[in-house]
Amino acid sequence: MYRRIVAGAAWLAETDKPTLELLCEKVDRREQMKAQLARSELVLFTDKMYAYPNPLVGMLSTIESEIAKLLSALGLTPTDRTRMGLAEVKARNAFEDFLSKQASR
Protein backbone atom coordinates (compact mmCIF):
# COMPACT_ATOMS: atom_id res chain seq x y z
CA MET A 1 0.00 0.00 0.00
CA TYR A 2 2.82 2.39 0.89
CA ARG A 3 4.47 2.02 -2.53
CA ARG A 4 1.17 2.37 -4.37
CA ILE A 5 0.31 5.60 -2.58
CA VAL A 6 3.78 7.11 -2.98
CA ALA A 7 3.73 6.25 -6.70
CA GLY A 8 0.29 7.77 -7.28
CA ALA A 9 0.21 10.72 -4.90
CA ALA A 10 2.83 13.13 -6.23
CA TRP A 11 1.67 15.89 -3.86
CA LEU A 12 2.91 14.01 -0.77
CA ALA A 13 6.01 15.52 0.82
CA GLU A 14 8.73 13.94 2.92
CA THR A 15 6.97 15.34 5.99
CA ASP A 16 3.86 13.27 5.11
CA LYS A 17 5.72 9.97 5.42
CA PRO A 18 5.12 9.45 9.19
CA THR A 19 1.37 9.91 8.60
CA LEU A 20 1.51 7.56 5.62
CA GLU A 21 3.38 4.96 7.69
CA LEU A 22 0.73 5.26 10.43
CA LEU A 23 -1.99 4.79 7.80
CA CYS A 24 -0.32 1.63 6.50
CA GLU A 25 0.11 0.25 10.02
CA LYS A 26 -3.58 0.84 10.75
CA VAL A 27 -4.59 -0.85 7.49
CA ASP A 28 -2.45 -3.86 8.46
CA ARG A 29 -4.03 -3.91 11.91
CA ARG A 30 -7.51 -3.71 10.32
CA GLU A 31 -6.73 -6.76 8.19
CA GLN A 32 -5.59 -8.65 11.29
CA MET A 33 -8.80 -7.73 13.11
CA LYS A 34 -10.93 -8.80 10.15
CA ALA A 35 -9.15 -12.15 10.00
CA GLN A 36 -9.58 -12.68 13.72
CA LEU A 37 -13.26 -11.69 13.54
CA ALA A 38 -13.79 -14.15 10.66
CA ARG A 39 -12.61 -16.92 12.99
CA SER A 40 -14.94 -15.75 15.75
CA GLU A 41 -18.58 -14.78 16.18
CA LEU A 42 -20.20 -11.33 16.04
CA VAL A 43 -22.10 -12.10 19.23
CA LEU A 44 -20.39 -13.79 22.18
CA PHE A 45 -21.92 -15.28 25.32
CA THR A 46 -20.93 -15.22 28.96
CA ASP A 47 -20.78 -18.38 31.00
CA LYS A 48 -24.38 -17.61 32.06
CA MET A 49 -25.39 -17.30 28.38
CA TYR A 50 -25.81 -13.52 28.31
CA ALA A 51 -25.11 -12.24 24.82
CA TYR A 52 -22.70 -9.38 24.21
CA PRO A 53 -21.14 -7.95 21.05
CA ASN A 54 -17.69 -9.14 20.08
CA PRO A 55 -15.29 -6.33 21.10
CA LEU A 56 -13.54 -6.72 17.73
CA VAL A 57 -16.61 -5.22 16.01
CA GLY A 58 -16.20 -1.95 17.90
CA MET A 59 -12.44 -1.98 17.51
CA LEU A 60 -12.82 -2.50 13.77
CA SER A 61 -15.23 0.41 13.50
CA THR A 62 -12.84 2.65 15.44
CA ILE A 63 -9.81 1.79 13.32
CA GLU A 64 -11.82 2.32 10.12
CA SER A 65 -12.73 5.83 11.32
CA GLU A 66 -9.06 6.49 12.08
CA ILE A 67 -8.07 5.23 8.61
CA ALA A 68 -10.65 7.52 6.98
CA LYS A 69 -9.21 10.52 8.86
CA LEU A 70 -5.67 9.67 7.76
CA LEU A 71 -6.77 9.19 4.13
CA SER A 72 -8.39 12.61 4.32
CA ALA A 73 -5.35 14.24 5.93
CA LEU A 74 -3.16 12.95 3.10
CA GLY A 75 -5.58 14.04 0.36
CA LEU A 76 -6.26 10.47 -0.71
CA THR A 77 -10.01 10.86 -1.28
CA PRO A 78 -11.59 12.64 -4.27
CA THR A 79 -13.25 15.19 -1.96
CA ASP A 80 -10.00 16.02 -0.22
CA ARG A 81 -8.10 16.32 -3.50
CA THR A 82 -10.72 18.80 -4.69
CA ARG A 83 -10.41 20.75 -1.43
CA MET A 84 -6.63 20.84 -1.93
CA GLY A 85 -6.98 21.99 -5.55
CA LEU A 86 -5.79 18.64 -6.89
CA ALA A 87 -9.05 17.60 -8.55
CA GLU A 88 -8.75 15.23 -11.45
CA VAL A 89 -9.87 16.54 -14.81
CA LYS A 90 -12.42 14.28 -16.43
CA ALA A 91 -13.28 13.99 -20.06
CA ARG A 92 -16.55 15.59 -21.06
CA ASN A 93 -19.33 13.22 -21.85
CA ALA A 94 -21.66 13.44 -24.84
CA PHE A 95 -24.36 15.28 -22.90
CA GLU A 96 -21.89 17.96 -21.74
CA ASP A 97 -20.73 18.39 -25.36
CA PHE A 98 -24.35 18.81 -26.46
CA LEU A 99 -24.98 21.47 -23.78
CA SER A 100 -21.81 23.29 -24.71
CA LYS A 101 -22.82 23.40 -28.40
CA GLN A 102 -26.31 24.61 -27.50
CA ALA A 103 -24.89 27.38 -25.32
CA SER A 104 -22.55 28.59 -28.04
CA ARG A 105 -25.41 29.02 -30.56
PDB file of N, CA and C in Angstrom:
ATOM      1  N   MET A   1       0.827  -1.185   0.000  1.00  0.00           N
ATOM      2  CA  MET A   1       0.000   0.000   0.000  1.00  0.00           C
ATOM      3  C   MET A   1       0.876   1.255   0.000  1.00  0.00           C
ATOM      4  N   TYR A   2       1.924   1.237   0.791  1.00  0.00           N
ATOM      5  CA  TYR A   2       2.817   2.386   0.888  1.00  0.00           C
ATOM      6  C   TYR A   2       3.368   2.747  -0.493  1.00  0.00           C
ATOM      7  N   ARG A   3       3.882   1.765  -1.204  1.00  0.00           N
ATOM      8  CA  ARG A   3       4.474   2.024  -2.528  1.00  0.00           C
ATOM      9  C   ARG A   3       3.429   2.532  -3.512  1.00  0.00           C
ATOM     10  N   ARG A   4       2.239   1.947  -3.468  1.00  0.00           N
ATOM     11  CA  ARG A   4       1.165   2.369  -4.366  1.00  0.00           C
ATOM     12  C   ARG A   4       0.793   3.829  -4.142  1.00  0.00           C
ATOM     13  N   ILE A   5       0.681   4.219  -2.888  1.00  0.00           N
ATOM     14  CA  ILE A   5       0.311   5.596  -2.576  1.00  0.00           C
ATOM     15  C   ILE A   5       1.417   6.554  -2.983  1.00  0.00           C
ATOM     16  N   VAL A   6       2.655   6.232  -2.633  1.00  0.00           N
ATOM     17  CA  VAL A   6       3.782   7.108  -2.979  1.00  0.00           C
ATOM     18  C   VAL A   6       3.879   7.275  -4.497  1.00  0.00           C
ATOM     19  N   ALA A   7       3.646   6.186  -5.235  1.00  0.00           N
ATOM     20  CA  ALA A   7       3.732   6.249  -6.700  1.00  0.00           C
ATOM     21  C   ALA A   7       2.610   7.079  -7.307  1.00  0.00           C
ATOM     22  N   GLY A   8       1.436   7.085  -6.685  1.00  0.00           N
ATOM     23  CA  GLY A   8       0.294   7.767  -7.284  1.00  0.00           C
ATOM     24  C   GLY A   8      -0.053   9.111  -6.692  1.00  0.00           C
ATOM     25  N   ALA A   9       0.548   9.475  -5.584  1.00  0.00           N
ATOM     26  CA  ALA A   9       0.213  10.722  -4.899  1.00  0.00           C
ATOM     27  C   ALA A   9       1.420  11.650  -4.908  1.00  0.00           C
ATOM     28  N   ALA A  10       1.644  12.280  -6.041  1.00  0.00           N
ATOM     29  CA  ALA A  10       2.828  13.127  -6.233  1.00  0.00           C
ATOM     30  C   ALA A  10       2.859  14.320  -5.289  1.00  0.00           C
ATOM     31  N   TRP A  11       1.725  14.720  -4.737  1.00  0.00           N
ATOM     32  CA  TRP A  11       1.667  15.887  -3.857  1.00  0.00           C
ATOM     33  C   TRP A  11       2.211  15.595  -2.454  1.00  0.00           C
ATOM     34  N   LEU A  12       2.418  14.316  -2.111  1.00  0.00           N
ATOM     35  CA  LEU A  12       2.912  14.011  -0.770  1.00  0.00           C
ATOM     36  C   LEU A  12       4.365  14.453  -0.618  1.00  0.00           C
ATOM     37  N   ALA A  13       4.660  15.040   0.526  1.00  0.00           N
ATOM     38  CA  ALA A  13       6.012  15.517   0.820  1.00  0.00           C
ATOM     39  C   ALA A  13       6.700  14.553   1.783  1.00  0.00           C
ATOM     40  N   GLU A  14       7.959  14.753   1.982  1.00  0.00           N
ATOM     41  CA  GLU A  14       8.730  13.939   2.925  1.00  0.00           C
ATOM     42  C   GLU A  14       8.107  14.011   4.321  1.00  0.00           C
ATOM     43  N   THR A  15       7.575  15.166   4.673  1.00  0.00           N
ATOM     44  CA  THR A  15       6.973  15.339   5.994  1.00  0.00           C
ATOM     45  C   THR A  15       5.664  14.564   6.152  1.00  0.00           C
ATOM     46  N   ASP A  16       5.088  14.074   5.054  1.00  0.00           N
ATOM     47  CA  ASP A  16       3.862  13.269   5.111  1.00  0.00           C
ATOM     48  C   ASP A  16       4.153  11.797   5.404  1.00  0.00           C
ATOM     49  N   LYS A  17       5.396  11.393   5.302  1.00  0.00           N
ATOM     50  CA  LYS A  17       5.724   9.971   5.424  1.00  0.00           C
ATOM     51  C   LYS A  17       5.358   9.364   6.777  1.00  0.00           C
ATOM     52  N   PRO A  18       5.559  10.058   7.918  1.00  0.00           N
ATOM     53  CA  PRO A  18       5.117   9.453   9.189  1.00  0.00           C
ATOM     54  C   PRO A  18       3.601   9.189   9.214  1.00  0.00           C
ATOM     55  N   THR A  19       2.823  10.101   8.655  1.00  0.00           N
ATOM     56  CA  THR A  19       1.373   9.907   8.600  1.00  0.00           C
ATOM     57  C   THR A  19       1.030   8.744   7.677  1.00  0.00           C
ATOM     58  N   LEU A  20       1.723   8.654   6.558  1.00  0.00           N
ATOM     59  CA  LEU A  20       1.507   7.557   5.618  1.00  0.00           C
ATOM     60  C   LEU A  20       1.877   6.214   6.253  1.00  0.00           C
ATOM     61  N   GLU A  21       2.969   6.192   7.003  1.00  0.00           N
ATOM     62  CA  GLU A  21       3.377   4.959   7.688  1.00  0.00           C
ATOM     63  C   GLU A  21       2.326   4.549   8.717  1.00  0.00           C
ATOM     64  N   LEU A  22       1.784   5.535   9.452  1.00  0.00           N
ATOM     65  CA  LEU A  22       0.732   5.258  10.427  1.00  0.00           C
ATOM     66  C   LEU A  22      -0.507   4.703   9.727  1.00  0.00           C
ATOM     67  N   LEU A  23      -0.858   5.286   8.589  1.00  0.00           N
ATOM     68  CA  LEU A  23      -1.986   4.787   7.801  1.00  0.00           C
ATOM     69  C   LEU A  23      -1.773   3.319   7.429  1.00  0.00           C
ATOM     70  N   CYS A  24      -0.610   3.005   6.916  1.00  0.00           N
ATOM     71  CA  CYS A  24      -0.318   1.631   6.496  1.00  0.00           C
ATOM     72  C   CYS A  24      -0.358   0.664   7.680  1.00  0.00           C
ATOM     73  N   GLU A  25       0.149   1.098   8.825  1.00  0.00           N
ATOM     74  CA  GLU A  25       0.110   0.250  10.022  1.00  0.00           C
ATOM     75  C   GLU A  25      -1.332  -0.020  10.440  1.00  0.00           C
ATOM     76  N   LYS A  26      -2.171   1.011  10.375  1.00  0.00           N
ATOM     77  CA  LYS A  26      -3.576   0.841  10.748  1.00  0.00           C
ATOM     78  C   LYS A  26      -4.311  -0.061   9.759  1.00  0.00           C
ATOM     79  N   VAL A  27      -3.978   0.041   8.489  1.00  0.00           N
ATOM     80  CA  VAL A  27      -4.589  -0.846   7.491  1.00  0.00           C
ATOM     81  C   VAL A  27      -4.182  -2.292   7.766  1.00  0.00           C
ATOM     82  N   ASP A  28      -2.912  -2.509   8.103  1.00  0.00           N
ATOM     83  CA  ASP A  28      -2.451  -3.860   8.456  1.00  0.00           C
ATOM     84  C   ASP A  28      -3.195  -4.377   9.685  1.00  0.00           C
ATOM     85  N   ARG A  29      -3.334  -3.519  10.689  1.00  0.00           N
ATOM     86  CA  ARG A  29      -4.034  -3.914  11.913  1.00  0.00           C
ATOM     87  C   ARG A  29      -5.498  -4.232  11.617  1.00  0.00           C
ATOM     88  N   ARG A  30      -6.117  -3.461  10.723  1.00  0.00           N
ATOM     89  CA  ARG A  30      -7.507  -3.712  10.319  1.00  0.00           C
ATOM     90  C   ARG A  30      -7.639  -5.102   9.689  1.00  0.00           C
ATOM     91  N   GLU A  31      -6.691  -5.442   8.826  1.00  0.00           N
ATOM     92  CA  GLU A  31      -6.728  -6.762   8.189  1.00  0.00           C
ATOM     93  C   GLU A  31      -6.595  -7.880   9.225  1.00  0.00           C
ATOM     94  N   GLN A  32      -5.744  -7.666  10.228  1.00  0.00           N
ATOM     95  CA  GLN A  32      -5.592  -8.655  11.291  1.00  0.00           C
ATOM     96  C   GLN A  32      -6.893  -8.812  12.077  1.00  0.00           C
ATOM     97  N   MET A  33      -7.533  -7.686  12.378  1.00  0.00           N
ATOM     98  CA  MET A  33      -8.799  -7.731  13.107  1.00  0.00           C
ATOM     99  C   MET A  33      -9.874  -8.440  12.298  1.00  0.00           C
ATOM    100  N   LYS A  34      -9.931  -8.144  11.004  1.00  0.00           N
ATOM    101  CA  LYS A  34     -10.930  -8.798  10.152  1.00  0.00           C
ATOM    102  C   LYS A  34     -10.706 -10.309  10.111  1.00  0.00           C
ATOM    103  N   ALA A  35      -9.460 -10.721  10.023  1.00  0.00           N
ATOM    104  CA  ALA A  35      -9.151 -12.155  10.001  1.00  0.00           C
ATOM    105  C   ALA A  35      -9.541 -12.803  11.317  1.00  0.00           C
ATOM    106  N   GLN A  36      -9.240 -12.137  12.409  1.00  0.00           N
ATOM    107  CA  GLN A  36      -9.580 -12.684  13.719  1.00  0.00           C
ATOM    108  C   GLN A  36     -11.100 -12.729  13.894  1.00  0.00           C
ATOM    109  N   LEU A  37     -11.806 -11.710  13.441  1.00  0.00           N
ATOM    110  CA  LEU A  37     -13.261 -11.692  13.542  1.00  0.00           C
ATOM    111  C   LEU A  37     -13.882 -12.784  12.676  1.00  0.00           C
ATOM    112  N   ALA A  38     -13.282 -13.080  11.535  1.00  0.00           N
ATOM    113  CA  ALA A  38     -13.786 -14.145  10.660  1.00  0.00           C
ATOM    114  C   ALA A  38     -13.703 -15.509  11.345  1.00  0.00           C
ATOM    115  N   ARG A  39     -12.763 -15.656  12.263  1.00  0.00           N
ATOM    116  CA  ARG A  39     -12.614 -16.920  12.990  1.00  0.00           C
ATOM    117  C   ARG A  39     -13.465 -16.966  14.258  1.00  0.00           C
ATOM    118  N   SER A  40     -14.159 -15.872  14.522  1.00  0.00           N
ATOM    119  CA  SER A  40     -14.941 -15.755  15.748  1.00  0.00           C
ATOM    120  C   SER A  40     -16.411 -15.531  15.397  1.00  0.00           C
ATOM    121  N   GLU A  41     -17.154 -15.075  16.363  1.00  0.00           N
ATOM    122  CA  GLU A  41     -18.579 -14.775  16.183  1.00  0.00           C
ATOM    123  C   GLU A  41     -18.816 -13.296  16.441  1.00  0.00           C
ATOM    124  N   LEU A  42     -19.852 -12.736  15.805  1.00  0.00           N
ATOM    125  CA  LEU A  42     -20.201 -11.332  16.041  1.00  0.00           C
ATOM    126  C   LEU A  42     -20.790 -11.129  17.431  1.00  0.00           C
ATOM    127  N   VAL A  43     -21.496 -12.153  17.903  1.00  0.00           N
ATOM    128  CA  VAL A  43     -22.100 -12.104  19.233  1.00  0.00           C
ATOM    129  C   VAL A  43     -21.460 -13.212  20.069  1.00  0.00           C
ATOM    130  N   LEU A  44     -20.993 -12.840  21.246  1.00  0.00           N
ATOM    131  CA  LEU A  44     -20.388 -13.790  22.175  1.00  0.00           C
ATOM    132  C   LEU A  44     -21.323 -13.972  23.371  1.00  0.00           C
ATOM    133  N   PHE A  45     -21.068 -14.996  24.166  1.00  0.00           N
ATOM    134  CA  PHE A  45     -21.918 -15.282  25.317  1.00  0.00           C
ATOM    135  C   PHE A  45     -21.069 -15.480  26.561  1.00  0.00           C
ATOM    136  N   THR A  46     -21.601 -14.991  27.681  1.00  0.00           N
ATOM    137  CA  THR A  46     -20.930 -15.216  28.957  1.00  0.00           C
ATOM    138  C   THR A  46     -21.180 -16.654  29.394  1.00  0.00           C
ATOM    139  N   ASP A  47     -20.567 -17.026  30.487  1.00  0.00           N
ATOM    140  CA  ASP A  47     -20.778 -18.383  31.003  1.00  0.00           C
ATOM    141  C   ASP A  47     -22.229 -18.602  31.456  1.00  0.00           C
ATOM    142  N   LYS A  48     -22.961 -17.505  31.688  1.00  0.00           N
ATOM    143  CA  LYS A  48     -24.382 -17.607  32.059  1.00  0.00           C
ATOM    144  C   LYS A  48     -25.293 -17.367  30.858  1.00  0.00           C
ATOM    145  N   MET A  49     -24.686 -17.407  29.657  1.00  0.00           N
ATOM    146  CA  MET A  49     -25.393 -17.296  28.379  1.00  0.00           C
ATOM    147  C   MET A  49     -26.012 -15.916  28.112  1.00  0.00           C
ATOM    148  N   TYR A  50     -25.418 -14.884  28.671  1.00  0.00           N
ATOM    149  CA  TYR A  50     -25.813 -13.522  28.310  1.00  0.00           C
ATOM    150  C   TYR A  50     -25.030 -13.132  27.059  1.00  0.00           C
ATOM    151  N   ALA A  51     -25.757 -12.626  26.080  1.00  0.00           N
ATOM    152  CA  ALA A  51     -25.114 -12.237  24.822  1.00  0.00           C
ATOM    153  C   ALA A  51     -24.472 -10.860  24.959  1.00  0.00           C
ATOM    154  N   TYR A  52     -23.349 -10.681  24.290  1.00  0.00           N
ATOM    155  CA  TYR A  52     -22.698  -9.376  24.211  1.00  0.00           C
ATOM    156  C   TYR A  52     -21.946  -9.295  22.884  1.00  0.00           C
ATOM    157  N   PRO A  53     -21.817  -8.076  22.342  1.00  0.00           N
ATOM    158  CA  PRO A  53     -21.141  -7.947  21.046  1.00  0.00           C
ATOM    159  C   PRO A  53     -19.654  -8.254  21.159  1.00  0.00           C
ATOM    160  N   ASN A  54     -19.117  -8.870  20.143  1.00  0.00           N
ATOM    161  CA  ASN A  54     -17.689  -9.142  20.084  1.00  0.00           C
ATOM    162  C   ASN A  54     -16.942  -7.802  20.105  1.00  0.00           C
ATOM    163  N   PRO A  55     -16.020  -7.588  21.031  1.00  0.00           N
ATOM    164  CA  PRO A  55     -15.287  -6.328  21.097  1.00  0.00           C
ATOM    165  C   PRO A  55     -14.557  -5.979  19.796  1.00  0.00           C
ATOM    166  N   LEU A  56     -14.231  -6.984  18.999  1.00  0.00           N
ATOM    167  CA  LEU A  56     -13.544  -6.717  17.734  1.00  0.00           C
ATOM    168  C   LEU A  56     -14.393  -5.878  16.781  1.00  0.00           C
ATOM    169  N   VAL A  57     -15.724  -5.995  16.888  1.00  0.00           N
ATOM    170  CA  VAL A  57     -16.610  -5.223  16.010  1.00  0.00           C
ATOM    171  C   VAL A  57     -16.411  -3.731  16.277  1.00  0.00           C
ATOM    172  N   GLY A  58     -16.412  -3.353  17.540  1.00  0.00           N
ATOM    173  CA  GLY A  58     -16.203  -1.946  17.896  1.00  0.00           C
ATOM    174  C   GLY A  58     -14.799  -1.473  17.574  1.00  0.00           C
ATOM    175  N   MET A  59     -13.823  -2.332  17.803  1.00  0.00           N
ATOM    176  CA  MET A  59     -12.435  -1.982  17.506  1.00  0.00           C
ATOM    177  C   MET A  59     -12.249  -1.780  16.002  1.00  0.00           C
ATOM    178  N   LEU A  60     -12.902  -2.609  15.221  1.00  0.00           N
ATOM    179  CA  LEU A  60     -12.818  -2.498  13.768  1.00  0.00           C
ATOM    180  C   LEU A  60     -13.441  -1.190  13.298  1.00  0.00           C
ATOM    181  N   SER A  61     -14.573  -0.848  13.855  1.00  0.00           N
ATOM    182  CA  SER A  61     -15.233   0.410  13.504  1.00  0.00           C
ATOM    183  C   SER A  61     -14.344   1.609  13.855  1.00  0.00           C
ATOM    184  N   THR A  62     -13.720   1.561  15.005  1.00  0.00           N
ATOM    185  CA  THR A  62     -12.835   2.652  15.442  1.00  0.00           C
ATOM    186  C   THR A  62     -11.645   2.798  14.501  1.00  0.00           C
ATOM    187  N   ILE A  63     -11.004   1.696  14.173  1.00  0.00           N
ATOM    188  CA  ILE A  63      -9.811   1.790  13.321  1.00  0.00           C
ATOM    189  C   ILE A  63     -10.182   2.244  11.910  1.00  0.00           C
ATOM    190  N   GLU A  64     -11.374   1.862  11.440  1.00  0.00           N
ATOM    191  CA  GLU A  64     -11.816   2.318  10.117  1.00  0.00           C
ATOM    192  C   GLU A  64     -12.057   3.824  10.112  1.00  0.00           C
ATOM    193  N   SER A  65     -12.566   4.372  11.209  1.00  0.00           N
ATOM    194  CA  SER A  65     -12.726   5.829  11.323  1.00  0.00           C
ATOM    195  C   SER A  65     -11.358   6.514  11.324  1.00  0.00           C
ATOM    196  N   GLU A  66     -10.410   5.928  12.034  1.00  0.00           N
ATOM    197  CA  GLU A  66      -9.055   6.492  12.077  1.00  0.00           C
ATOM    198  C   GLU A  66      -8.408   6.441  10.688  1.00  0.00           C
ATOM    199  N   ILE A  67      -8.610   5.360   9.967  1.00  0.00           N
ATOM    200  CA  ILE A  67      -8.069   5.230   8.605  1.00  0.00           C
ATOM    201  C   ILE A  67      -8.676   6.299   7.705  1.00  0.00           C
ATOM    202  N   ALA A  68      -9.980   6.505   7.807  1.00  0.00           N
ATOM    203  CA  ALA A  68     -10.648   7.520   6.982  1.00  0.00           C
ATOM    204  C   ALA A  68     -10.069   8.913   7.253  1.00  0.00           C
ATOM    205  N   LYS A  69      -9.794   9.217   8.510  1.00  0.00           N
ATOM    206  CA  LYS A  69      -9.210  10.519   8.855  1.00  0.00           C
ATOM    207  C   LYS A  69      -7.804  10.669   8.269  1.00  0.00           C
ATOM    208  N   LEU A  70      -7.020   9.613   8.317  1.00  0.00           N
ATOM    209  CA  LEU A  70      -5.667   9.672   7.761  1.00  0.00           C
ATOM    210  C   LEU A  70      -5.708   9.791   6.237  1.00  0.00           C
ATOM    211  N   LEU A  71      -6.615   9.055   5.589  1.00  0.00           N
ATOM    212  CA  LEU A  71      -6.770   9.191   4.134  1.00  0.00           C
ATOM    213  C   LEU A  71      -7.102  10.633   3.778  1.00  0.00           C
ATOM    214  N   SER A  72      -7.998  11.225   4.547  1.00  0.00           N
ATOM    215  CA  SER A  72      -8.388  12.611   4.318  1.00  0.00           C
ATOM    216  C   SER A  72      -7.218  13.570   4.535  1.00  0.00           C
ATOM    217  N   ALA A  73      -6.487  13.359   5.615  1.00  0.00           N
ATOM    218  CA  ALA A  73      -5.350  14.241   5.929  1.00  0.00           C
ATOM    219  C   ALA A  73      -4.293  14.223   4.830  1.00  0.00           C
ATOM    220  N   LEU A  74      -4.162  13.082   4.161  1.00  0.00           N
ATOM    221  CA  LEU A  74      -3.159  12.950   3.100  1.00  0.00           C
ATOM    222  C   LEU A  74      -3.709  13.307   1.714  1.00  0.00           C
ATOM    223  N   GLY A  75      -4.989  13.684   1.654  1.00  0.00           N
ATOM    224  CA  GLY A  75      -5.579  14.036   0.362  1.00  0.00           C
ATOM    225  C   GLY A  75      -5.795  12.831  -0.532  1.00  0.00           C
ATOM    226  N   LEU A  76      -6.135  11.705   0.060  1.00  0.00           N
ATOM    227  CA  LEU A  76      -6.257  10.474  -0.711  1.00  0.00           C
ATOM    228  C   LEU A  76      -7.708  10.110  -1.055  1.00  0.00           C
ATOM    229  N   THR A  77      -8.628  11.059  -0.851  1.00  0.00           N
ATOM    230  CA  THR A  77     -10.007  10.859  -1.284  1.00  0.00           C
ATOM    231  C   THR A  77     -10.328  11.910  -2.341  1.00  0.00           C
ATOM    232  N   PRO A  78     -11.247  11.647  -3.239  1.00  0.00           N
ATOM    233  CA  PRO A  78     -11.593  12.643  -4.267  1.00  0.00           C
ATOM    234  C   PRO A  78     -12.022  13.984  -3.665  1.00  0.00           C
ATOM    235  N   THR A  79     -12.795  13.950  -2.604  1.00  0.00           N
ATOM    236  CA  THR A  79     -13.252  15.186  -1.965  1.00  0.00           C
ATOM    237  C   THR A  79     -12.082  15.989  -1.428  1.00  0.00           C
ATOM    238  N   ASP A  80     -11.150  15.318  -0.789  1.00  0.00           N
ATOM    239  CA  ASP A  80     -10.003  16.023  -0.219  1.00  0.00           C
ATOM    240  C   ASP A  80      -9.055  16.541  -1.294  1.00  0.00           C
ATOM    241  N   ARG A  81      -8.925  15.811  -2.386  1.00  0.00           N
ATOM    242  CA  ARG A  81      -8.099  16.319  -3.497  1.00  0.00           C
ATOM    243  C   ARG A  81      -8.728  17.572  -4.088  1.00  0.00           C
ATOM    244  N   THR A  82     -10.046  17.600  -4.190  1.00  0.00           N
ATOM    245  CA  THR A  82     -10.725  18.795  -4.691  1.00  0.00           C
ATOM    246  C   THR A  82     -10.494  19.959  -3.738  1.00  0.00           C
ATOM    247  N   ARG A  83     -10.628  19.716  -2.441  1.00  0.00           N
ATOM    248  CA  ARG A  83     -10.405  20.747  -1.431  1.00  0.00           C
ATOM    249  C   ARG A  83      -8.986  21.299  -1.516  1.00  0.00           C
ATOM    250  N   MET A  84      -8.036  20.438  -1.844  1.00  0.00           N
ATOM    251  CA  MET A  84      -6.632  20.836  -1.931  1.00  0.00           C
ATOM    252  C   MET A  84      -6.275  21.441  -3.298  1.00  0.00           C
ATOM    253  N   GLY A  85      -7.257  21.466  -4.209  1.00  0.00           N
ATOM    254  CA  GLY A  85      -6.983  21.987  -5.550  1.00  0.00           C
ATOM    255  C   GLY A  85      -6.286  20.971  -6.431  1.00  0.00           C
ATOM    256  N   LEU A  86      -6.430  19.699  -6.116  1.00  0.00           N
ATOM    257  CA  LEU A  86      -5.788  18.641  -6.888  1.00  0.00           C
ATOM    258  C   LEU A  86      -6.819  17.784  -7.612  1.00  0.00           C
ATOM    259  N   ALA A  87      -7.979  18.375  -7.919  1.00  0.00           N
ATOM    260  CA  ALA A  87      -9.055  17.600  -8.546  1.00  0.00           C
ATOM    261  C   ALA A  87      -8.606  17.059  -9.887  1.00  0.00           C
ATOM    262  N   GLU A  88      -9.079  15.869 -10.180  1.00  0.00           N
ATOM    263  CA  GLU A  88      -8.749  15.233 -11.452  1.00  0.00           C
ATOM    264  C   GLU A  88      -9.651  15.797 -12.544  1.00  0.00           C
ATOM    265  N   VAL A  89      -9.087  16.046 -13.686  1.00  0.00           N
ATOM    266  CA  VAL A  89      -9.868  16.537 -14.808  1.00  0.00           C
ATOM    267  C   VAL A  89     -10.454  15.341 -15.521  1.00  0.00           C
ATOM    268  N   LYS A  90     -11.788  15.394 -15.747  1.00  0.00           N
ATOM    269  CA  LYS A  90     -12.421  14.277 -16.427  1.00  0.00           C
ATOM    270  C   LYS A  90     -12.816  14.694 -17.839  1.00  0.00           C
ATOM    271  N   ALA A  91     -12.864  13.731 -18.684  1.00  0.00           N
ATOM    272  CA  ALA A  91     -13.282  13.990 -20.056  1.00  0.00           C
ATOM    273  C   ALA A  91     -14.760  14.347 -20.063  1.00  0.00           C
ATOM    274  N   ARG A  92     -15.139  15.227 -20.957  1.00  0.00           N
ATOM    275  CA  ARG A  92     -16.547  15.592 -21.060  1.00  0.00           C
ATOM    276  C   ARG A  92     -17.309  14.458 -21.707  1.00  0.00           C
ATOM    277  N   ASN A  93     -18.520  14.260 -21.235  1.00  0.00           N
ATOM    278  CA  ASN A  93     -19.334  13.223 -21.846  1.00  0.00           C
ATOM    279  C   ASN A  93     -20.170  13.825 -22.976  1.00  0.00           C
ATOM    280  N   ALA A  94     -20.889  13.005 -23.679  1.00  0.00           N
ATOM    281  CA  ALA A  94     -21.656  13.445 -24.842  1.00  0.00           C
ATOM    282  C   ALA A  94     -22.707  14.485 -24.465  1.00  0.00           C
ATOM    283  N   PHE A  95     -23.339  14.324 -23.317  1.00  0.00           N
ATOM    284  CA  PHE A  95     -24.356  15.278 -22.900  1.00  0.00           C
ATOM    285  C   PHE A  95     -23.731  16.649 -22.632  1.00  0.00           C
ATOM    286  N   GLU A  96     -22.566  16.675 -21.992  1.00  0.00           N
ATOM    287  CA  GLU A  96     -21.886  17.957 -21.744  1.00  0.00           C
ATOM    288  C   GLU A  96     -21.486  18.608 -23.062  1.00  0.00           C
ATOM    289  N   ASP A  97     -21.048  17.837 -24.034  1.00  0.00           N
ATOM    290  CA  ASP A  97     -20.734  18.388 -25.364  1.00  0.00           C
ATOM    291  C   ASP A  97     -21.968  19.002 -26.004  1.00  0.00           C
ATOM    292  N   PHE A  98     -23.091  18.312 -25.901  1.00  0.00           N
ATOM    293  CA  PHE A  98     -24.348  18.808 -26.459  1.00  0.00           C
ATOM    294  C   PHE A  98     -24.724  20.146 -25.819  1.00  0.00           C
ATOM    295  N   LEU A  99     -24.637  20.227 -24.487  1.00  0.00           N
ATOM    296  CA  LEU A  99     -24.979  21.469 -23.777  1.00  0.00           C
ATOM    297  C   LEU A  99     -24.049  22.604 -24.172  1.00  0.00           C
ATOM    298  N   SER A 100     -22.783  22.287 -24.331  1.00  0.00           N
ATOM    299  CA  SER A 100     -21.810  23.292 -24.710  1.00  0.00           C
ATOM    300  C   SER A 100     -22.123  23.844 -26.105  1.00  0.00           C
ATOM    301  N   LYS A 101     -22.464  22.969 -27.036  1.00  0.00           N
ATOM    302  CA  LYS A 101     -22.818  23.397 -28.395  1.00  0.00           C
ATOM    303  C   LYS A 101     -24.080  24.236 -28.390  1.00  0.00           C
ATOM    304  N   GLN A 102     -25.052  23.858 -27.572  1.00  0.00           N
ATOM    305  CA  GLN A 102     -26.307  24.605 -27.496  1.00  0.00           C
ATOM    306  C   GLN A 102     -26.048  26.001 -26.935  1.00  0.00           C
ATOM    307  N   ALA A 103     -25.182  26.090 -25.945  1.00  0.00           N
ATOM    308  CA  ALA A 103     -24.885  27.385 -25.322  1.00  0.00           C
ATOM    309  C   ALA A 103     -24.133  28.315 -26.243  1.00  0.00           C
ATOM    310  N   SER A 104     -23.351  27.754 -27.147  1.00  0.00           N
ATOM    311  CA  SER A 104     -22.555  28.593 -28.044  1.00  0.00           C
ATOM    312  C   SER A 104     -23.372  29.079 -29.242  1.00  0.00           C
ATOM    313  N   ARG A 105     -24.568  28.601 -29.435  1.00  0.00           N
ATOM    314  CA  ARG A 105     -25.408  29.017 -30.560  1.00  0.00           C
ATOM    315  C   ARG A 105     -26.086  30.304 -30.319  1.00  0.00           C
TER     316      ARG A 105
END
